[in-house]
């Protein structure tokens, strides 16, 4: 009874936590802040405030979404329609083995990214998943530019392109896409995107060629813009984090929620690190040189856009010389094998939460089984078997305690009926019964509590791993990251839960018994919307638990199994030649209950 209440409490708490997280993201809409607040307070070694400004000759709509080098107070621009903010000129189409990309000559922005190796659904293998786009409610783009007191192209400047169509040929491992900007005073900037075969890491360079007669001083900024629309791959029952993250050696992995951007602008000086906006399975991240000190900033705009970016230190380019600003831009899946070698901590975008220390070895084990078997469904079953073996002895104690409780349930019921109006005497009689039968009422609960962190960690591993996205198993299960289309696994899960209840002691309280009887139906409905990979784990784990519990219960009912501790005590007592104590007469409360 106590075991069931404890398990019920933790399972319900876990489900309610998932529902609360989804409700927060879907219905709690943050309020926008004024546009006049600064992005970052100062550039390294300069002391001049970096604020949003409206330079002469430019409208507020095209300058409110970037940092600028000025110490003057920022003007407060009006709210501009999205179509005016994101101006467009010519589109450069780039095709590689992994990407179908559009780059706009306005700013050289990365405006659209289709991931060719990740279809939208398993039933639409020829329709690639769109990670970045500049239209609709799911705006997500990558921008970069230069800032200077003289001539420099920001992400509103118009570049010239040599051609409008680029394709990575079968004989090449690299594709360069150059864009050119030339000022009237002799400054030329060549912005180059470099794509490599089988890589989601894009190299972005700004080459400054100073053909003027003066020293050019300037810096580079890189930023991601996104609206706060919910990720289309999440659901009300299964929700993952969508928002900003930054990494530094000092603070490690840190989430910058869209609501945080509403409350306060980020202003952090970080050596190396990276800034990213993540969603379920995918990430866009700007990665500077690991030895470069950048000012990281965030901004919430009135039109529903959020900005997360970083500004490099100022450099000087002497007349007749050049300087290259370079950064990495990762736009792709959160595949751990790809993320780990790129930058320190980038693999943490696969967000397992506070149970990362447990989840990482579980993913390693899952990947081990997949490399061996070649099927993610059988890999999940393999991990479930290993976890069950690791916790076999703990589970054994739990099920032995439940079986013993099941044997004395009639006596407990009799005590409750006998002392229904005297709770003190009822508790005293039950404690005497537990002592006589050598039962620990918490014996079935504590082993379960130890296993709960492992189960929750595995839940997040199965939920966060992009490797399971559209992974097939057997028969009708062609995507382990989505719900079972025919609800077979949820029904099996409900059936196993019902069978487990039959093996557990019956609750003496009628109301509690009705609630417990309804749980298999309730959780069948919940799990009907869960990814089939998660339900597969629960079903296999439940089947193994039923077999173990049935075996232990059967041995106890037949008198073939006693507690190991009792056996050790008996052997120890016999070895010392101690006489057995005479059995004490049962207390009057127990005699009355037995009658």
Protein backbone atom coordinates (compact mmCIF):
# COMPACT_ATOMS: atom_id res chain seq x y z
CA UNK A 1 0.00 0.00 0.00
CA UNK A 2 2.70 2.47 1.04
CA UNK A 3 4.77 1.35 -1.92
CA UNK A 4 1.94 2.04 -4.31
CA UNK A 5 1.31 5.47 -2.86
CA UNK A 6 4.99 6.39 -3.15
CA UNK A 7 5.30 5.17 -6.74
CA UNK A 8 2.02 6.89 -7.64
CA UNK A 9 3.26 10.16 -6.13
CA UNK A 10 6.48 10.21 -8.16
CA UNK A 11 4.88 9.14 -11.43
CA UNK A 12 2.11 11.74 -11.16
CA UNK A 13 4.60 14.44 -10.17
CA UNK A 14 6.71 13.64 -13.22
CA UNK A 15 3.73 13.84 -15.59
CA UNK A 16 2.49 17.08 -14.02
CA UNK A 17 5.98 18.57 -14.41
CA UNK A 18 5.92 17.83 -18.15
CA UNK A 19 2.47 19.37 -18.53
CA UNK A 20 3.47 22.48 -16.55
CA UNK A 21 6.59 23.00 -18.68
CA UNK A 22 4.58 22.76 -21.88
CA UNK A 23 1.91 25.14 -20.56
CA UNK A 24 4.55 27.70 -19.55
CA UNK A 25 6.06 27.74 -23.02
CA UNK A 26 2.77 27.69 -24.91
CA UNK A 27 0.69 30.17 -22.93
CA UNK A 28 2.99 32.42 -20.91
CA UNK A 29 3.88 35.14 -23.43
CA UNK A 30 6.68 37.49 -22.32
CA UNK A 31 6.26 41.24 -22.61
CA UNK A 32 8.51 43.28 -24.86
CA UNK A 33 10.93 45.87 -23.47
CA UNK A 34 11.80 49.30 -24.89
CA UNK A 35 14.15 49.33 -27.84
CA UNK A 36 16.29 52.13 -26.50
CA UNK A 37 18.15 50.10 -23.88
CA UNK A 38 21.79 49.31 -24.73
CA UNK A 39 22.93 45.97 -26.09
CA UNK A 40 26.24 45.90 -24.26
CA UNK A 41 27.86 48.47 -22.05
CA UNK A 42 31.36 48.73 -23.44
CA UNK A 43 33.81 47.25 -25.89
CA UNK A 44 37.02 45.72 -24.54
CA UNK A 45 39.58 48.36 -23.80
CA UNK A 46 37.55 51.24 -25.24
CA UNK A 47 35.20 52.47 -22.55
CA UNK A 48 32.75 53.74 -25.18
CA UNK A 49 29.20 52.49 -24.74
CA UNK A 50 27.88 50.17 -27.43
CA UNK A 51 24.25 51.14 -27.94
CA UNK A 52 21.56 51.03 -30.53
CA UNK A 53 21.68 54.18 -32.58
CA UNK A 54 20.10 55.65 -35.68
CA UNK A 55 22.91 56.90 -37.95
CA UNK A 56 22.19 59.77 -40.26
CA UNK A 57 20.54 58.70 -43.48
CA UNK A 58 19.21 55.37 -42.11
CA UNK A 59 15.74 54.62 -40.77
CA UNK A 60 15.15 53.28 -37.28
CA UNK A 61 13.71 50.08 -38.72
CA UNK A 62 17.04 48.98 -40.18
CA UNK A 63 19.27 49.85 -37.22
CA UNK A 64 17.40 48.75 -34.12
CA UNK A 65 18.52 45.12 -34.53
CA UNK A 66 22.30 45.52 -34.38
CA UNK A 67 24.94 46.91 -32.00
CA UNK A 68 26.68 50.15 -33.01
CA UNK A 69 29.86 51.98 -31.96
CA UNK A 70 28.69 55.14 -30.24
CA UNK A 71 28.58 56.79 -26.86
CA UNK A 72 25.58 58.97 -27.79
CA UNK A 73 22.13 58.27 -26.31
CA UNK A 74 20.06 55.87 -28.35
CA UNK A 75 17.03 57.12 -30.20
CA UNK A 76 13.79 55.27 -29.65
CA UNK A 77 12.55 54.09 -33.04
CA UNK A 78 9.02 53.16 -33.90
CA UNK A 79 7.91 49.60 -34.44
CA UNK A 80 8.54 48.51 -38.01
CA UNK A 81 6.67 45.78 -39.87
CA UNK A 82 8.64 42.56 -40.31
CA UNK A 83 8.73 43.02 -44.08
CA UNK A 84 10.54 46.36 -43.64
CA UNK A 85 12.94 45.07 -41.00
CA UNK A 86 14.07 42.09 -43.07
CA UNK A 87 14.70 43.70 -46.43
CA UNK A 88 15.60 41.41 -49.27
CA UNK A 89 17.49 41.84 -52.54
CA UNK A 90 18.92 38.96 -54.56
CA UNK A 91 19.00 35.42 -53.26
CA UNK A 92 22.03 33.16 -53.63
CA UNK A 93 21.10 29.49 -53.78
CA UNK A 94 23.65 27.02 -52.33
CA UNK A 95 23.36 23.24 -52.52
CA UNK A 96 25.70 20.79 -50.77
CA UNK A 97 25.40 17.18 -49.67
CA UNK A 98 23.74 18.34 -46.41
CA UNK A 99 22.25 21.74 -47.19
CA UNK A 100 19.81 23.57 -49.42
CA UNK A 101 20.52 27.19 -48.45
CA UNK A 102 19.50 30.72 -49.38
CA UNK A 103 21.80 33.70 -48.69
CA UNK A 104 20.46 37.22 -49.21
CA UNK A 105 22.70 39.90 -50.71
CA UNK A 106 21.27 42.26 -48.07
CA UNK A 107 23.86 41.83 -45.34
CA UNK A 108 24.91 38.44 -46.69
CA UNK A 109 22.45 36.95 -44.18
CA UNK A 110 21.82 33.23 -43.96
CA UNK A 111 18.06 33.43 -44.53
CA UNK A 112 16.94 29.87 -45.23
CA UNK A 113 18.43 26.48 -44.33
CA UNK A 114 16.92 23.17 -45.39
CA UNK A 115 18.58 20.05 -43.96
CA UNK A 116 18.58 17.52 -46.79
CA UNK A 117 19.40 14.50 -44.60
CA UNK A 118 16.54 15.21 -42.17
CA UNK A 119 13.08 14.87 -43.78
CA UNK A 120 10.12 16.65 -42.23
CA UNK A 121 8.46 13.30 -41.51
CA UNK A 122 9.24 9.68 -42.25
CA UNK A 123 6.31 9.68 -44.68
CA UNK A 124 7.80 12.62 -46.62
CA UNK A 125 11.41 11.54 -47.26
CA UNK A 126 11.85 14.05 -50.12
CA UNK A 127 10.77 17.12 -48.11
CA UNK A 128 13.72 18.42 -46.04
CA UNK A 129 13.33 19.89 -42.58
CA UNK A 130 13.59 23.70 -42.57
CA UNK A 131 15.73 24.88 -39.66
CA UNK A 132 16.09 28.55 -40.66
CA UNK A 133 13.71 30.80 -42.56
CA UNK A 134 12.90 34.52 -42.76
CA UNK A 135 9.16 34.33 -43.37
CA UNK A 136 6.21 33.27 -41.26
CA UNK A 137 5.92 32.98 -37.50
CA UNK A 138 9.05 30.81 -37.10
CA UNK A 139 11.65 33.38 -38.12
CA UNK A 140 15.20 32.16 -37.46
CA UNK A 141 18.21 33.63 -39.30
CA UNK A 142 21.99 34.08 -38.86
CA UNK A 143 23.58 37.48 -39.42
CA UNK A 144 27.03 39.00 -39.25
CA UNK A 145 28.64 42.32 -40.14
CA UNK A 146 31.31 44.90 -39.39
CA UNK A 147 31.10 48.07 -37.33
CA UNK A 148 33.39 51.05 -37.78
CA UNK A 149 33.51 54.80 -37.26
CA UNK A 150 34.13 55.09 -41.01
CA UNK A 151 33.04 52.70 -43.79
CA UNK A 152 31.87 49.16 -42.92
CA UNK A 153 29.07 46.85 -44.08
CA UNK A 154 26.61 45.77 -41.40
CA UNK A 155 23.87 43.21 -42.06
CA UNK A 156 21.78 45.87 -43.85
CA UNK A 157 24.46 46.63 -46.45
CA UNK A 158 23.99 45.29 -49.97
CA UNK A 159 26.69 42.94 -51.29
CA UNK A 160 27.46 42.02 -54.88
CA UNK A 161 27.57 38.32 -55.79
CA UNK A 162 29.60 36.74 -58.58
CA UNK A 163 26.78 34.27 -59.26
CA UNK A 164 23.44 33.31 -57.78
CA UNK A 165 23.72 29.53 -57.83
CA UNK A 166 26.40 27.36 -56.19
CA UNK A 167 26.57 23.57 -55.98
CA UNK A 168 29.11 21.36 -54.24
CA UNK A 169 30.28 19.02 -56.99
CA UNK A 170 30.92 15.35 -56.46
CA UNK A 171 34.67 15.75 -56.89
CA UNK A 172 35.04 18.61 -54.38
CA UNK A 173 35.15 18.56 -50.61
CA UNK A 174 34.77 22.34 -50.23
CA UNK A 175 32.61 25.12 -51.68
CA UNK A 176 33.27 28.85 -51.27
CA UNK A 177 30.58 31.51 -51.76
CA UNK A 178 32.09 35.04 -51.88
CA UNK A 179 30.20 38.35 -51.63
CA UNK A 180 31.78 41.76 -52.21
CA UNK A 181 31.11 45.20 -50.75
CA UNK A 182 33.02 48.32 -51.85
CA UNK A 183 32.86 51.80 -50.31
CA UNK A 184 33.53 55.09 -52.03
CA UNK A 185 36.57 55.81 -49.84
CA UNK A 186 38.58 52.72 -50.82
CA UNK A 187 37.44 50.08 -48.30
CA UNK A 188 36.58 46.67 -49.77
CA UNK A 189 35.06 43.83 -47.74
CA UNK A 190 34.78 40.29 -49.08
CA UNK A 191 32.41 38.12 -47.05
CA UNK A 192 32.96 34.42 -47.75
CA UNK A 193 30.93 31.38 -46.70
CA UNK A 194 32.89 28.10 -46.85
CA UNK A 195 30.93 24.84 -46.89
CA UNK A 196 32.61 21.45 -46.44
CA UNK A 197 31.40 18.02 -47.38
CA UNK A 198 29.63 16.07 -44.61
CA UNK A 199 29.87 19.00 -42.18
CA UNK A 200 27.31 21.28 -40.56
CA UNK A 201 30.08 23.72 -39.61
CA UNK A 202 30.22 26.73 -41.96
CA UNK A 203 33.26 29.04 -41.97
CA UNK A 204 32.36 32.72 -42.26
CA UNK A 205 35.06 35.30 -43.06
CA UNK A 206 35.09 39.09 -43.50
CA UNK A 207 38.24 40.16 -45.34
CA UNK A 208 38.85 43.90 -45.00
CA UNK A 209 41.04 45.38 -47.76
CA UNK A 210 42.14 48.92 -46.96
CA UNK A 211 42.94 50.85 -50.14
CA UNK A 212 42.24 54.19 -48.50
CA UNK A 213 44.84 56.57 -47.20
CA UNK A 214 43.80 56.23 -43.56
CA UNK A 215 43.84 53.58 -40.85
CA UNK A 216 40.59 51.61 -40.71
CA UNK A 217 39.33 50.73 -37.25
CA UNK A 218 36.47 48.34 -36.73
CA UNK A 219 35.11 45.16 -35.26
CA UNK A 220 32.96 42.17 -36.18
CA UNK A 221 29.60 41.16 -34.74
CA UNK A 222 27.69 37.94 -35.22
CA UNK A 223 24.11 37.32 -34.11
CA UNK A 224 21.11 35.02 -34.35
CA UNK A 225 17.58 36.37 -34.69
CA UNK A 226 14.54 34.29 -33.80
CA UNK A 227 10.91 34.61 -32.85
CA UNK A 228 9.64 32.78 -29.79
CA UNK A 229 7.25 30.50 -31.69
CA UNK A 230 7.07 27.02 -30.22
CA UNK A 231 9.10 24.30 -31.90
CA UNK A 232 6.90 22.35 -34.31
CA UNK A 233 8.44 19.04 -33.20
CA UNK A 234 7.34 19.50 -29.59
CA UNK A 235 3.86 18.75 -28.29
CA UNK A 236 1.77 19.50 -25.23
CA UNK A 237 2.85 16.26 -23.57
CA UNK A 238 6.46 16.24 -24.82
CA UNK A 239 8.17 19.59 -24.52
CA UNK A 240 11.83 20.53 -24.91
CA UNK A 241 13.65 23.83 -24.48
CA UNK A 242 13.68 26.37 -27.30
CA UNK A 243 15.76 29.48 -26.66
CA UNK A 244 19.23 30.93 -26.29
CA UNK A 245 22.28 29.37 -24.65
CA UNK A 246 25.83 30.58 -24.14
CA UNK A 247 28.97 28.81 -22.99
CA UNK A 248 32.03 30.03 -21.12
CA UNK A 249 34.76 28.24 -19.20
CA UNK A 250 33.73 30.11 -16.04
CA UNK A 251 29.96 29.61 -16.11
CA UNK A 252 29.83 26.57 -18.42
CA UNK A 253 26.44 25.97 -20.10
CA UNK A 254 23.91 28.73 -19.43
CA UNK A 255 20.38 29.13 -20.79
CA UNK A 256 19.25 32.59 -21.87
CA UNK A 257 15.48 32.25 -22.07
CA UNK A 258 13.50 34.58 -24.28
CA UNK A 259 11.88 35.85 -21.09
CA UNK A 260 15.38 36.62 -19.74
CA UNK A 261 16.01 38.75 -22.81
CA UNK A 262 12.77 40.58 -22.05
CA UNK A 263 13.83 41.31 -18.48
CA UNK A 264 17.45 42.29 -19.04
CA UNK A 265 19.95 42.62 -21.85
CA UNK A 266 22.84 40.19 -21.63
CA UNK A 267 26.23 41.93 -21.30
CA UNK A 268 29.05 39.45 -20.70
CA UNK A 269 32.74 39.46 -21.65
CA UNK A 270 33.78 35.90 -22.50
CA UNK A 271 37.03 34.44 -23.76
CA UNK A 272 36.18 31.92 -26.46
CA UNK A 273 32.88 30.24 -25.74
CA UNK A 274 29.94 30.28 -28.15
CA UNK A 275 26.36 31.58 -28.47
CA UNK A 276 23.48 29.50 -29.80
CA UNK A 277 19.74 29.23 -30.17
CA UNK A 278 18.55 25.66 -29.77
CA UNK A 279 15.37 23.71 -30.30
CA UNK A 280 14.36 20.07 -30.22
CA UNK A 281 17.05 18.10 -32.10
CA UNK A 282 18.63 21.13 -33.85
CA UNK A 283 20.88 24.12 -33.13
CA UNK A 284 22.29 27.27 -34.70
CA UNK A 285 25.50 28.50 -33.04
CA UNK A 286 28.15 31.19 -33.62
CA UNK A 287 31.59 29.93 -32.57
CA UNK A 288 34.46 32.46 -32.32
CA UNK A 289 38.16 31.68 -32.05
CA UNK A 290 38.81 30.03 -28.68
CA UNK A 291 41.42 32.68 -27.80
CA UNK A 292 39.27 35.67 -28.82
CA UNK A 293 37.60 37.80 -26.15
CA UNK A 294 34.07 38.82 -27.18
CA UNK A 295 31.26 40.82 -25.66
CA UNK A 296 28.13 38.65 -25.65
CA UNK A 297 24.79 40.47 -25.88
CA UNK A 298 21.07 39.85 -26.19
CA UNK A 299 18.12 42.00 -27.19
CA UNK A 300 14.32 41.72 -27.26
CA UNK A 301 12.66 43.78 -30.00
CA UNK A 302 9.12 45.14 -29.99
CA UNK A 303 8.06 43.16 -33.03
CA UNK A 304 8.58 39.78 -31.35
CA UNK A 305 12.16 39.09 -32.45
CA UNK A 306 14.96 38.11 -30.08
CA UNK A 307 18.67 38.61 -30.74
CA UNK A 308 21.63 36.77 -29.24
CA UNK A 309 25.12 37.60 -30.45
CA UNK A 310 28.73 38.57 -29.79
CA UNK A 311 31.07 41.44 -30.71
CA UNK A 312 34.81 41.01 -31.28
CA UNK A 313 37.56 43.38 -30.13
CA UNK A 314 38.45 46.32 -32.37
CA UNK A 315 41.28 45.88 -34.86
CA UNK A 316 43.29 48.36 -36.93
CA UNK A 317 43.97 47.87 -40.63
CA UNK A 318 46.76 50.04 -41.97
CA UNK A 319 46.50 51.55 -45.46
CA UNK A 320 47.46 49.05 -48.14
CA UNK A 321 46.96 46.00 -45.86
CA UNK A 322 44.20 43.49 -45.16
CA UNK A 323 42.66 41.81 -42.12
CA UNK A 324 40.43 38.74 -41.91
CA UNK A 325 37.70 38.30 -39.29
CA UNK A 326 36.69 34.64 -39.05
CA UNK A 327 34.08 32.63 -37.15
CA UNK A 328 32.40 29.27 -37.24
CA UNK A 329 28.66 28.91 -37.76
CA UNK A 330 27.13 25.55 -36.86
CA UNK A 331 23.66 25.03 -38.33
CA UNK A 332 22.39 21.49 -38.06
CA UNK A 333 21.42 18.57 -35.87
CA UNK A 334 22.45 18.02 -32.26
CA UNK A 335 24.42 14.91 -33.16
CA UNK A 336 26.95 14.37 -30.39
CA UNK A 337 29.63 12.91 -32.66
CA UNK A 338 29.52 16.09 -34.77
CA UNK A 339 29.31 18.58 -31.90
CA UNK A 340 32.04 17.29 -29.61
CA UNK A 341 35.13 18.04 -31.77
CA UNK A 342 33.96 21.52 -32.86
CA UNK A 343 34.05 23.49 -29.61
CA UNK A 344 34.33 22.85 -25.91
CA UNK A 345 30.89 22.38 -24.38
CA UNK A 346 28.96 22.48 -27.65
CA UNK A 347 27.79 18.90 -27.02
CA UNK A 348 25.86 20.27 -24.01
CA UNK A 349 23.26 21.64 -26.42
CA UNK A 350 21.98 18.06 -26.21
CA UNK A 351 20.28 19.14 -23.02
CA UNK A 352 19.75 16.36 -20.45
CA UNK A 353 19.14 18.84 -17.63
CA UNK A 354 20.34 18.28 -14.07
CA UNK A 355 20.76 14.53 -14.66
CA UNK A 356 23.47 14.94 -17.33
CA UNK A 357 26.02 12.94 -15.31
CA UNK A 358 23.70 9.93 -15.38
CA UNK A 359 22.30 10.53 -18.87
CA UNK A 360 25.64 10.68 -20.69
CA UNK A 361 26.71 7.11 -19.80
CA UNK A 362 23.21 5.92 -20.65
CA UNK A 363 23.49 7.46 -24.12
CA UNK A 364 26.92 5.88 -24.52
CA UNK A 365 25.36 2.50 -23.68
CA UNK A 366 22.48 3.13 -26.09
CA UNK A 367 24.94 4.04 -28.87
CA UNK A 368 27.01 0.92 -28.06
CA UNK A 369 24.00 -1.34 -28.58
CA UNK A 370 23.05 0.50 -31.78
CA UNK A 371 26.56 0.11 -33.24
CA UNK A 372 26.37 -3.59 -32.40
CA UNK A 373 22.78 -4.33 -33.49
CA UNK A 374 22.08 -1.57 -36.03
CA UNK A 375 18.56 -0.82 -34.78
CA UNK A 376 17.61 1.86 -32.23
CA UNK A 377 14.54 -0.06 -31.03
CA UNK A 378 16.58 -3.14 -30.12
CA UNK A 379 19.20 -0.81 -28.63
CA UNK A 380 16.52 0.59 -26.27
CA UNK A 381 15.61 -2.96 -25.26
CA UNK A 382 19.29 -3.74 -24.66
CA UNK A 383 19.71 -0.70 -22.40
CA UNK A 384 16.54 -1.66 -20.51
CA UNK A 385 17.95 -5.16 -19.88
CA UNK A 386 21.25 -3.75 -18.57
CA UNK A 387 19.48 -1.31 -16.23
CA UNK A 388 17.28 -4.13 -14.98
CA UNK A 389 20.35 -6.29 -14.26
CA UNK A 390 22.14 -3.45 -12.46
CA UNK A 391 19.16 -2.88 -10.19
CA UNK A 392 18.17 -6.53 -9.91
CA UNK A 393 19.05 -6.93 -6.22
CA UNK A 394 17.38 -3.64 -5.28
CA UNK A 395 14.25 -4.63 -7.20
CA UNK A 396 14.38 -8.04 -5.55
CA UNK A 397 14.24 -6.47 -2.09
CA UNK A 398 11.37 -4.27 -3.19
CA UNK A 399 9.33 -7.11 -4.66
CA UNK A 400 10.07 -9.36 -1.67
CA UNK A 401 8.75 -6.64 0.62
CA UNK A 402 5.64 -6.25 -1.56
CA UNK A 403 5.07 -10.01 -1.53
CA UNK A 404 5.33 -10.17 2.25
CA UNK A 405 2.97 -7.22 2.54
CA UNK A 406 0.57 -9.04 0.24
CA UNK A 407 0.57 -12.07 2.57
CA UNK A 408 -0.35 -10.03 5.63
CA UNK A 409 -2.88 -7.77 3.89
CA UNK A 410 -5.86 -9.67 5.39
CA UNK A 411 -4.42 -9.14 8.88
CA UNK A 412 -3.84 -5.44 8.18
CA UNK A 413 -7.41 -5.12 6.94
CA UNK A 414 -8.66 -6.82 10.11
CA UNK A 415 -6.67 -4.41 12.29
CA UNK A 416 -8.05 -1.41 10.41
CA UNK A 417 -11.62 -2.65 10.83
CA UNK A 418 -11.02 -3.50 14.49
CA UNK A 419 -9.59 -0.10 15.45
CA UNK A 420 -11.32 2.10 12.90
CA UNK A 421 -12.13 4.69 15.59
CA UNK A 422 -8.78 4.56 17.41
CA UNK A 423 -5.91 5.47 15.08
CA UNK A 424 -3.32 5.30 17.85
CA UNK A 425 -4.13 1.70 18.75
CA UNK A 426 -4.39 0.88 15.02
CA UNK A 427 -0.85 2.16 14.40
CA UNK A 428 0.46 0.32 17.45
CA UNK A 429 -1.13 -2.95 16.34
CA UNK A 430 0.21 -2.59 12.80
CA UNK A 431 3.75 -1.90 14.04
CA UNK A 432 3.54 -5.01 16.23
CA UNK A 433 2.39 -6.99 13.20
CA UNK A 434 5.28 -5.68 11.06
CA UNK A 435 7.71 -6.60 13.84
CA UNK A 436 6.28 -10.08 14.24
CA UNK A 437 6.26 -10.80 10.48
CA UNK A 438 9.69 -9.13 10.04
CA UNK A 439 8.32 -6.74 7.43
CA UNK A 440 9.71 -3.30 6.67
CA UNK A 441 6.84 -1.22 5.19
CA UNK A 442 9.43 1.02 3.52
CA UNK A 443 11.38 -1.92 2.13
CA UNK A 444 9.61 -1.75 -1.21
CA UNK A 445 9.81 2.03 -1.43
CA UNK A 446 13.47 2.85 -0.88
CA UNK A 447 14.87 0.68 -3.71
CA UNK A 448 12.40 2.38 -6.06
CA UNK A 449 13.58 5.83 -4.98
CA UNK A 450 17.18 4.93 -5.85
CA UNK A 451 16.15 3.96 -9.39
CA UNK A 452 13.99 7.02 -10.13
CA UNK A 453 16.91 9.33 -11.18
CA UNK A 454 18.14 6.68 -13.62
CA UNK A 455 14.69 6.24 -15.15
CA UNK A 456 14.21 10.01 -15.57
CA UNK A 457 17.71 10.38 -17.05
CA UNK A 458 16.94 7.67 -19.60
CA UNK A 459 13.68 9.45 -20.39
CA UNK A 460 15.65 12.59 -21.34
CA UNK A 461 18.19 10.56 -23.33
CA UNK A 462 15.42 9.06 -25.44
CA UNK A 463 13.68 12.43 -25.78
CA UNK A 464 16.74 14.54 -26.68
CA UNK A 465 18.67 12.19 -28.95
CA UNK A 466 18.28 13.24 -32.58
CA UNK A 467 19.53 9.79 -33.53
CA UNK A 468 16.07 8.43 -32.64
CA UNK A 469 14.31 10.96 -34.87
CA UNK A 470 12.51 8.93 -37.56
CA UNK A 471 14.40 5.80 -36.45
CA UNK A 472 12.58 2.62 -37.44
CA UNK A 473 12.07 -0.42 -35.22
CA UNK A 474 9.84 -3.26 -36.48
CA UNK A 475 6.54 -3.60 -38.29
CA UNK A 476 4.48 -0.40 -38.05
CA UNK A 477 6.96 1.48 -35.79
CA UNK A 478 8.77 3.56 -38.40
CA UNK A 479 9.58 6.57 -36.19
CA UNK A 480 10.57 6.09 -32.53
CA UNK A 481 10.44 9.85 -31.89
CA UNK A 482 6.69 10.10 -32.58
CA UNK A 483 3.65 8.44 -31.05
CA UNK A 484 2.63 4.91 -31.97
CA UNK A 485 0.20 5.44 -34.89
CA UNK A 486 -1.90 2.43 -33.89
CA UNK A 487 -1.50 2.87 -30.09
CA UNK A 488 -0.36 -0.72 -29.64
CA UNK A 489 2.51 0.11 -27.27
CA UNK A 490 0.39 2.38 -25.01
CA UNK A 491 -2.23 -0.39 -24.74
CA UNK A 492 0.48 -2.91 -23.85
CA UNK A 493 1.81 -0.47 -21.27
CA UNK A 494 -1.64 -0.16 -19.69
CA UNK A 495 -2.00 -3.95 -19.67
CA UNK A 496 1.36 -4.46 -17.95
CA UNK A 497 0.46 -1.82 -15.37
CA UNK A 498 -2.79 -3.70 -14.64
CA UNK A 499 -0.91 -7.00 -14.23
CA UNK A 500 1.57 -5.38 -11.85
CA UNK A 501 -1.32 -4.15 -9.72
CA UNK A 502 -2.60 -7.70 -9.40
CA UNK A 503 0.78 -8.77 -8.01
CA UNK A 504 0.84 -5.95 -5.47
CA UNK A 505 -1.02 -5.93 -2.12
CA UNK A 506 -4.58 -4.67 -2.42
CA UNK A 507 -5.23 -1.25 -0.87
CA UNK A 508 -7.54 -1.69 2.16
CA UNK A 509 -9.10 1.72 1.61
CA UNK A 510 -11.98 1.47 -0.95
CA UNK A 511 -11.37 4.94 -2.39
CA UNK A 512 -7.66 4.27 -2.84
CA UNK A 513 -8.49 0.94 -4.47
CA UNK A 514 -10.74 2.69 -7.02
CA UNK A 515 -8.02 5.23 -7.83
CA UNK A 516 -5.42 2.51 -8.29
CA UNK A 517 -7.81 0.55 -10.53
CA UNK A 518 -8.26 3.62 -12.77
CA UNK A 519 -4.54 4.32 -13.16
CA UNK A 520 -3.87 1.86 -16.02
CA UNK A 521 -6.54 3.59 -18.11
CA UNK A 522 -5.30 7.08 -17.21
CA UNK A 523 -1.68 6.34 -18.02
CA UNK A 524 -2.63 4.56 -21.23
CA UNK A 525 -4.16 7.86 -22.37
CA UNK A 526 -1.04 9.80 -21.30
CA UNK A 527 1.38 7.45 -23.00
CA UNK A 528 -0.70 7.41 -26.19
CA UNK A 529 0.90 10.79 -27.03
CA UNK A 530 4.44 9.92 -25.91
CA UNK A 531 7.18 9.04 -28.46
CA UNK A 532 7.02 5.32 -29.18
CA UNK A 533 10.70 4.92 -28.20
CA UNK A 534 9.87 6.04 -24.65
CA UNK A 535 6.79 3.82 -24.46
CA UNK A 536 8.87 0.89 -25.74
CA UNK A 537 11.24 1.35 -22.81
CA UNK A 538 8.37 1.44 -20.29
CA UNK A 539 6.73 -1.66 -21.77
CA UNK A 540 9.93 -3.73 -21.79
CA UNK A 541 10.84 -2.59 -18.28
CA UNK A 542 7.34 -3.42 -17.04
CA UNK A 543 7.43 -6.91 -18.60
CA UNK A 544 10.78 -7.65 -16.96
CA UNK A 545 9.47 -6.32 -13.64
CA UNK A 546 6.37 -8.52 -13.87
CA UNK A 547 8.48 -11.64 -14.48
CA UNK A 548 10.79 -10.83 -11.58
CA UNK A 549 7.98 -9.92 -9.23
CA UNK A 550 5.91 -12.99 -10.17
CA UNK A 551 8.90 -15.27 -9.55
CA UNK A 552 9.67 -13.78 -6.14
CA UNK A 553 6.02 -13.66 -5.06
CA UNK A 554 5.51 -17.29 -6.08
CA UNK A 555 8.52 -18.47 -4.07
CA UNK A 556 7.39 -16.57 -0.99
CA UNK A 557 3.84 -17.87 -1.27
CA UNK A 558 5.26 -21.42 -1.47
CA UNK A 559 7.55 -20.79 1.50
CA UNK A 560 10.69 -21.30 -0.59
CA UNK A 561 12.13 -17.81 -0.19
CA UNK A 562 13.16 -15.99 2.96
CA UNK A 563 14.93 -12.72 3.42
CA UNK A 564 18.70 -13.04 2.97
CA UNK A 565 19.29 -11.05 6.15
CA UNK A 566 17.24 -13.57 8.16
CA UNK A 567 19.28 -16.43 6.70
CA UNK A 568 22.52 -14.72 7.66
CA UNK A 569 21.25 -14.09 11.20
CA UNK A 570 20.20 -17.73 11.57
CA UNK A 571 23.59 -19.00 10.40
CA UNK A 572 25.37 -16.54 12.67
CA UNK A 573 23.26 -17.61 15.64
CA UNK A 574 23.84 -21.33 15.00
CA UNK A 575 27.57 -20.79 14.66
CA UNK A 576 27.80 -19.26 18.12
CA UNK A 577 25.74 -22.01 19.69
CA UNK A 578 23.10 -19.67 20.99
CA UNK A 579 19.82 -21.12 22.08
CA UNK A 580 16.75 -20.01 20.28
CA UNK A 581 14.49 -17.77 22.24
CA UNK A 582 11.13 -19.14 23.09
CA UNK A 583 8.40 -17.57 21.03
CA UNK A 584 6.61 -14.83 22.86
CA UNK A 585 2.85 -14.89 23.02
CA UNK A 586 1.29 -12.51 20.50
CA UNK A 587 -0.02 -9.20 21.80
CA UNK A 588 -3.67 -8.99 22.68
CA UNK A 589 -4.30 -6.57 19.82
CA UNK A 590 -3.07 -9.12 17.30
CA UNK A 591 -5.02 -11.95 18.93
CA UNK A 592 -8.17 -9.91 18.70
CA UNK A 593 -7.49 -9.01 15.07
CA UNK A 594 -6.80 -12.64 14.19
CA UNK A 595 -10.08 -13.73 15.76
